[in-house]
Amino acid sequence: MIGVTPIIGIMLESLDTLTSLFDTIVVPVLLVELVVLLRVRALDWPRGKEMLANGVTFLLLIPAAVVGALVWVPIFDAVGALVPGSLPVTWWSIALAVLVADLIYYWEHRISHGRRLLWDLYHSVHHSSPRFDQTTSLRIGIFDGLLTIAFSLPMVALGFSTEMAFAATALVIAYQGWIHTELIDRMPRWFEAVFNTPSHHRAHHGNEHPYLDVNYGGILIVWDRLFGTFQPEGERPIYGLTEQIESSNPLDIQFSQLRRLWAELRTDRSWRTRWRRLWNRPGWQPTDAAVRSAP
């Protein structure tokens, strides 16, 4: 049985990966954003409340992420122990780990948009802000910290160590901090073609067509181009959920969608309908099935 000390070591390595990118990229961009917002007199009280709510939401995430690590590190190690050999730590294995983690992130991200349970449980939290700035990257659901690392479990089955899997996943997440901004219009064309950028991610956060369910990539946008989910930014998107929560209370941000889901499940008349509601896309209603089955 794995002890707590190795788990703490893995958590600290992952945290170091996150904080190093946060300090070098996110904080400077946030400071510039604040200066710009002050100069154009756009930093009003509603905007300030959203920013503060995003920060508090992130603080709620931290203990959840600690619990998530305590749960998943032993499982990762147990799976890794079944693998005959492990990959050495070299520049190419690190690069490969980030590439694999980024591909896994793409599919986890896409699945969390396409299944009501995952969307309401955690990912809707990140999309619930009607504003888009560096603090939006901190708006993460507590169940995100508990559950999403599980999607990286196949990495240890491929021979990556638990440390590499956690660090690579942390890098994919940390990269996305700087792309939550309206200050940067477009990056160079070659960069826009390969990497996720503020323009691509603004489109991802749009709550109307053609921006719904597009641009799932973490570091690379090539996954979206490859799998048919890429959408370039045209008109500036409208941010938030299709039905806004109209609250800056961190508890409402965390649980409003789950409360709505629970209320709808209670009114469903059969377990089959409940299961379909959880499994189908957000917004699905039993009447949708009836319409499709009608002659």
Protein backbone atom coordinates (compact mmCIF):
# COMPACT_ATOMS: atom_id res chain seq x y z
CA MET A 1 0.00 0.00 0.00
CA ILE A 2 1.40 3.41 -0.98
CA GLY A 3 2.20 5.87 1.78
CA VAL A 4 1.09 9.48 2.02
CA THR A 5 4.61 10.89 1.46
CA PRO A 6 4.92 9.77 -2.21
CA ILE A 7 1.45 11.15 -2.89
CA ILE A 8 2.46 14.51 -1.43
CA GLY A 9 5.57 14.47 -3.62
CA ILE A 10 3.50 13.90 -6.77
CA MET A 11 1.07 16.64 -5.74
CA LEU A 12 3.92 19.09 -5.14
CA GLU A 13 5.49 18.32 -8.53
CA SER A 14 2.16 18.87 -10.28
CA LEU A 15 1.54 22.03 -8.26
CA ASP A 16 4.99 23.32 -9.20
CA THR A 17 4.16 22.77 -12.88
CA LEU A 18 0.92 24.72 -12.47
CA THR A 19 2.32 27.57 -10.41
CA SER A 20 5.38 28.14 -12.61
CA LEU A 21 3.20 28.78 -15.66
CA PHE A 22 0.70 30.72 -13.57
CA ASP A 23 3.37 33.07 -12.22
CA THR A 24 5.10 33.63 -15.56
CA ILE A 25 2.05 34.00 -17.80
CA VAL A 26 -1.33 34.27 -16.07
CA VAL A 27 -0.40 36.85 -13.42
CA PRO A 28 1.26 39.29 -15.86
CA VAL A 29 -1.65 39.06 -18.31
CA LEU A 30 -4.13 39.54 -15.45
CA LEU A 31 -2.30 42.67 -14.27
CA VAL A 32 -2.40 44.10 -17.80
CA GLU A 33 -6.10 43.25 -18.02
CA LEU A 34 -6.83 45.05 -14.77
CA VAL A 35 -4.97 48.15 -15.97
CA VAL A 36 -6.87 48.14 -19.27
CA LEU A 37 -10.23 47.61 -17.56
CA LEU A 38 -9.50 50.50 -15.21
CA ARG A 39 -8.45 52.78 -18.05
CA VAL A 40 -11.61 52.11 -20.07
CA ARG A 41 -13.72 52.22 -16.88
CA ALA A 42 -14.97 48.67 -17.39
CA LEU A 43 -13.95 47.40 -13.97
CA ASP A 44 -17.33 48.01 -12.35
CA TRP A 45 -18.77 46.28 -9.29
CA PRO A 46 -20.51 43.45 -11.25
CA ARG A 47 -17.23 42.69 -13.02
CA GLY A 48 -15.36 42.85 -9.74
CA LYS A 49 -17.84 40.45 -8.11
CA GLU A 50 -17.34 37.97 -10.94
CA MET A 51 -13.57 38.12 -10.54
CA LEU A 52 -13.80 37.64 -6.79
CA ALA A 53 -16.25 34.78 -7.24
CA ASN A 54 -13.83 33.10 -9.66
CA GLY A 55 -11.05 33.36 -7.09
CA VAL A 56 -13.20 31.92 -4.30
CA THR A 57 -14.33 29.12 -6.61
CA PHE A 58 -10.69 28.22 -7.15
CA LEU A 59 -10.08 28.17 -3.39
CA LEU A 60 -12.96 25.68 -3.06
CA LEU A 61 -11.27 23.53 -5.70
CA ILE A 62 -7.98 23.16 -3.80
CA PRO A 63 -9.18 20.78 -1.02
CA ALA A 64 -11.13 18.79 -3.63
CA ALA A 65 -7.97 18.39 -5.70
CA VAL A 66 -6.07 17.21 -2.61
CA VAL A 67 -8.72 14.57 -1.95
CA GLY A 68 -8.66 13.62 -5.61
CA ALA A 69 -4.90 13.06 -5.50
CA LEU A 70 -5.17 10.97 -2.33
CA VAL A 71 -7.73 8.77 -4.07
CA TRP A 72 -6.22 8.47 -7.53
CA VAL A 73 -2.45 8.28 -6.95
CA PRO A 74 -2.67 4.81 -5.32
CA ILE A 75 -4.91 3.63 -8.18
CA PHE A 76 -2.47 4.98 -10.78
CA ASP A 77 0.42 3.27 -9.00
CA ALA A 78 -1.50 -0.01 -8.74
CA VAL A 79 -2.20 0.01 -12.48
CA GLY A 80 1.39 1.00 -13.22
CA ALA A 81 2.66 -1.94 -11.16
CA LEU A 82 0.86 -4.29 -13.58
CA VAL A 83 2.72 -2.87 -16.59
CA PRO A 84 5.83 -4.94 -17.46
CA GLY A 85 8.08 -1.93 -18.06
CA SER A 86 8.01 1.84 -17.69
CA LEU A 87 9.24 4.57 -19.99
CA PRO A 88 12.47 6.32 -18.97
CA VAL A 89 12.37 10.01 -18.15
CA THR A 90 13.93 11.63 -21.22
CA TRP A 91 13.11 14.66 -23.34
CA TRP A 92 11.22 12.51 -25.85
CA SER A 93 9.19 10.64 -23.20
CA ILE A 94 8.26 13.94 -21.53
CA ALA A 95 7.19 15.39 -24.89
CA LEU A 96 5.23 12.22 -25.65
CA ALA A 97 3.57 12.35 -22.20
CA VAL A 98 2.37 15.92 -22.83
CA LEU A 99 1.12 14.94 -26.30
CA VAL A 100 -0.82 11.96 -24.92
CA ALA A 101 -2.17 14.00 -21.99
CA ASP A 102 -3.34 16.66 -24.43
CA LEU A 103 -5.14 14.11 -26.60
CA ILE A 104 -6.80 12.60 -23.52
CA TYR A 105 -7.80 16.10 -22.40
CA TYR A 106 -9.44 16.74 -25.78
CA TRP A 107 -11.66 13.67 -25.43
CA GLU A 108 -12.44 14.25 -21.74
CA HIS A 109 -13.34 17.83 -22.57
CA ARG A 110 -15.54 16.76 -25.48
CA ILE A 111 -17.27 14.08 -23.43
CA SER A 112 -17.95 16.52 -20.58
CA HIS A 113 -19.78 18.77 -23.05
CA GLY A 114 -21.79 15.91 -24.50
CA ARG A 115 -23.05 14.15 -21.35
CA ARG A 116 -25.50 15.94 -19.07
CA LEU A 117 -24.19 14.34 -15.87
CA LEU A 118 -20.59 15.46 -16.42
CA TRP A 119 -21.65 18.86 -17.72
CA ASP A 120 -23.85 19.63 -14.71
CA LEU A 121 -21.54 17.94 -12.23
CA TYR A 122 -18.49 20.03 -13.00
CA HIS A 123 -17.79 21.46 -16.46
CA SER A 124 -20.72 23.89 -16.60
CA VAL A 125 -19.05 25.69 -13.68
CA HIS A 126 -16.20 26.80 -15.91
CA HIS A 127 -18.57 28.04 -18.62
CA SER A 128 -20.98 29.87 -16.34
CA SER A 129 -19.30 33.29 -16.32
CA PRO A 130 -20.77 35.92 -18.68
CA ARG A 131 -17.31 37.55 -18.75
CA PHE A 132 -14.01 36.33 -20.08
CA ASP A 133 -10.67 37.18 -18.50
CA GLN A 134 -7.77 35.54 -16.68
CA THR A 135 -9.87 34.88 -13.58
CA THR A 136 -12.26 32.80 -15.70
CA SER A 137 -9.53 30.17 -15.87
CA LEU A 138 -9.86 29.81 -12.07
CA ARG A 139 -13.58 29.07 -12.27
CA ILE A 140 -13.39 25.28 -11.95
CA GLY A 141 -15.85 22.88 -10.35
CA ILE A 142 -14.89 20.97 -7.23
CA PHE A 143 -15.85 17.68 -8.90
CA ASP A 144 -13.35 18.57 -11.63
CA GLY A 145 -10.63 18.28 -9.00
CA LEU A 146 -12.04 15.00 -7.76
CA LEU A 147 -12.79 13.16 -10.98
CA THR A 148 -11.15 14.35 -14.18
CA ILE A 149 -7.64 13.05 -13.43
CA ALA A 150 -9.18 9.58 -13.76
CA PHE A 151 -9.27 10.08 -17.54
CA SER A 152 -5.45 10.08 -17.52
CA LEU A 153 -5.30 6.57 -16.05
CA PRO A 154 -4.52 5.00 -19.46
CA MET A 155 -1.21 6.87 -19.42
CA VAL A 156 0.23 4.60 -16.73
CA ALA A 157 -1.04 1.58 -18.66
CA LEU A 158 1.07 2.87 -21.58
CA GLY A 159 4.19 2.93 -19.41
CA PHE A 160 4.26 6.49 -18.11
CA SER A 161 4.89 6.88 -14.39
CA THR A 162 2.23 8.34 -12.13
CA GLU A 163 4.42 11.42 -11.69
CA MET A 164 4.70 11.96 -15.45
CA ALA A 165 0.97 11.46 -15.96
CA PHE A 166 0.07 13.99 -13.25
CA ALA A 167 2.71 16.52 -14.34
CA ALA A 168 1.77 16.28 -18.03
CA THR A 169 -1.92 16.72 -17.21
CA ALA A 170 -1.08 19.70 -15.00
CA LEU A 171 0.90 21.26 -17.86
CA VAL A 172 -2.04 20.88 -20.26
CA ILE A 173 -4.31 22.60 -17.74
CA ALA A 174 -1.80 25.31 -16.86
CA TYR A 175 -1.23 26.22 -20.52
CA GLN A 176 -4.86 27.25 -20.82
CA GLY A 177 -4.63 30.01 -18.25
CA TRP A 178 -3.30 32.66 -20.63
CA ILE A 179 -5.86 31.96 -23.37
CA HIS A 180 -8.69 33.32 -21.20
CA THR A 181 -8.38 36.91 -22.35
CA GLU A 182 -9.86 39.45 -24.75
CA LEU A 183 -6.66 41.50 -24.82
CA ILE A 184 -5.02 39.31 -27.46
CA ASP A 185 -6.84 39.33 -30.78
CA ARG A 186 -4.87 36.86 -32.92
CA MET A 187 -1.53 35.14 -32.65
CA PRO A 188 0.65 34.60 -35.76
CA ARG A 189 -1.06 32.45 -38.39
CA TRP A 190 1.24 29.45 -37.89
CA PHE A 191 0.57 29.55 -34.15
CA GLU A 192 -3.19 29.78 -34.65
CA ALA A 193 -3.02 26.76 -36.96
CA VAL A 194 -1.33 24.51 -34.40
CA PHE A 195 -2.00 25.75 -30.88
CA ASN A 196 -5.00 26.73 -28.80
CA THR A 197 -5.16 30.51 -28.58
CA PRO A 198 -7.33 33.21 -26.99
CA SER A 199 -9.29 33.50 -30.24
CA HIS A 200 -9.99 29.77 -30.40
CA HIS A 201 -10.92 29.63 -26.72
CA ARG A 202 -13.21 32.65 -26.89
CA ALA A 203 -15.15 30.73 -29.53
CA HIS A 204 -15.22 27.71 -27.22
CA HIS A 205 -16.82 29.80 -24.45
CA GLY A 206 -19.55 31.18 -26.71
CA ASN A 207 -23.10 30.21 -25.76
CA GLU A 208 -24.72 30.49 -29.20
CA HIS A 209 -24.27 28.85 -32.61
CA PRO A 210 -21.84 28.46 -34.28
CA TYR A 211 -19.78 28.42 -31.08
CA LEU A 212 -21.56 25.68 -29.12
CA ASP A 213 -19.44 22.55 -28.55
CA VAL A 214 -16.33 23.49 -30.52
CA ASN A 215 -12.58 23.90 -29.93
CA TYR A 216 -12.02 21.34 -27.17
CA GLY A 217 -8.22 21.25 -27.45
CA GLY A 218 -5.99 21.97 -24.47
CA ILE A 219 -2.58 22.94 -25.84
CA LEU A 220 -3.08 21.87 -29.46
CA ILE A 221 -5.97 22.93 -31.67
CA VAL A 222 -4.94 20.31 -34.25
CA TRP A 223 -7.14 17.74 -32.47
CA ASP A 224 -10.21 19.84 -33.30
CA ARG A 225 -9.08 20.22 -36.89
CA LEU A 226 -8.48 16.47 -37.09
CA PHE A 227 -11.77 15.37 -35.46
CA GLY A 228 -14.05 17.98 -37.03
CA THR A 229 -14.82 20.19 -34.03
CA PHE A 230 -12.87 23.32 -35.03
CA GLN A 231 -14.65 26.65 -35.35
CA PRO A 232 -12.77 29.90 -36.02
CA GLU A 233 -13.82 33.01 -34.17
CA GLY A 234 -15.89 35.43 -36.21
CA GLU A 235 -18.10 37.82 -34.31
CA ARG A 236 -17.11 38.22 -30.67
CA PRO A 237 -18.95 35.49 -28.74
CA ILE A 238 -21.51 35.95 -25.99
CA TYR A 239 -20.13 34.13 -22.96
CA GLY A 240 -21.79 32.02 -20.32
CA LEU A 241 -24.42 29.29 -20.29
CA THR A 242 -27.39 29.15 -22.64
CA GLU A 243 -29.45 29.89 -19.50
CA GLN A 244 -27.37 32.20 -17.32
CA ILE A 245 -27.28 31.54 -13.59
CA GLU A 246 -27.46 35.29 -12.79
CA SER A 247 -25.42 34.95 -9.60
CA SER A 248 -21.90 35.63 -8.37
CA ASN A 249 -22.35 33.49 -5.28
CA PRO A 250 -19.61 30.79 -5.38
CA LEU A 251 -22.05 28.18 -4.06
CA ASP A 252 -24.53 29.01 -6.83
CA ILE A 253 -21.69 28.80 -9.34
CA GLN A 254 -20.76 25.35 -8.04
CA PHE A 255 -24.19 23.80 -7.59
CA SER A 256 -26.90 25.65 -9.59
CA GLN A 257 -26.82 23.21 -12.50
CA LEU A 258 -26.82 20.21 -10.20
CA ARG A 259 -29.88 21.60 -8.39
CA ARG A 260 -31.66 22.00 -11.72
CA LEU A 261 -30.70 18.48 -12.77
CA TRP A 262 -31.96 17.02 -9.47
CA ALA A 263 -35.28 18.85 -9.84
CA GLU A 264 -35.75 17.45 -13.36
CA LEU A 265 -34.81 13.92 -12.30
CA ARG A 266 -37.44 14.05 -9.55
CA THR A 267 -40.15 14.84 -12.09
CA ASP A 268 -39.16 12.05 -14.49
CA ARG A 269 -41.62 9.16 -14.44
CA SER A 270 -39.25 6.28 -15.14
CA TRP A 271 -35.67 5.24 -14.43
CA ARG A 272 -35.14 4.83 -18.16
CA THR A 273 -35.94 8.51 -18.68
CA ARG A 274 -33.66 9.47 -15.80
CA TRP A 275 -30.81 7.47 -17.27
CA ARG A 276 -31.32 9.02 -20.69
CA ARG A 277 -31.37 12.49 -19.15
CA LEU A 278 -28.03 11.83 -17.45
CA TRP A 279 -26.44 10.28 -20.54
CA ASN A 280 -27.77 12.51 -23.30
CA ARG A 281 -26.57 15.96 -24.20
CA PRO A 282 -27.33 18.95 -21.96
CA GLY A 283 -30.75 20.31 -22.80
CA TRP A 284 -32.23 16.94 -23.78
CA GLN A 285 -35.82 16.41 -22.74
CA PRO A 286 -38.07 13.33 -22.94
CA THR A 287 -40.13 15.12 -25.59
CA ASP A 288 -37.08 15.04 -27.89
CA ALA A 289 -37.29 11.26 -28.06
CA ALA A 290 -41.02 11.40 -28.66
CA VAL A 291 -40.55 13.78 -31.58
CA ARG A 292 -37.87 11.56 -33.14
CA SER A 293 -40.06 8.45 -32.82
CA ALA A 294 -43.17 10.10 -34.27
CA PRO A 295 -44.16 9.03 -37.82
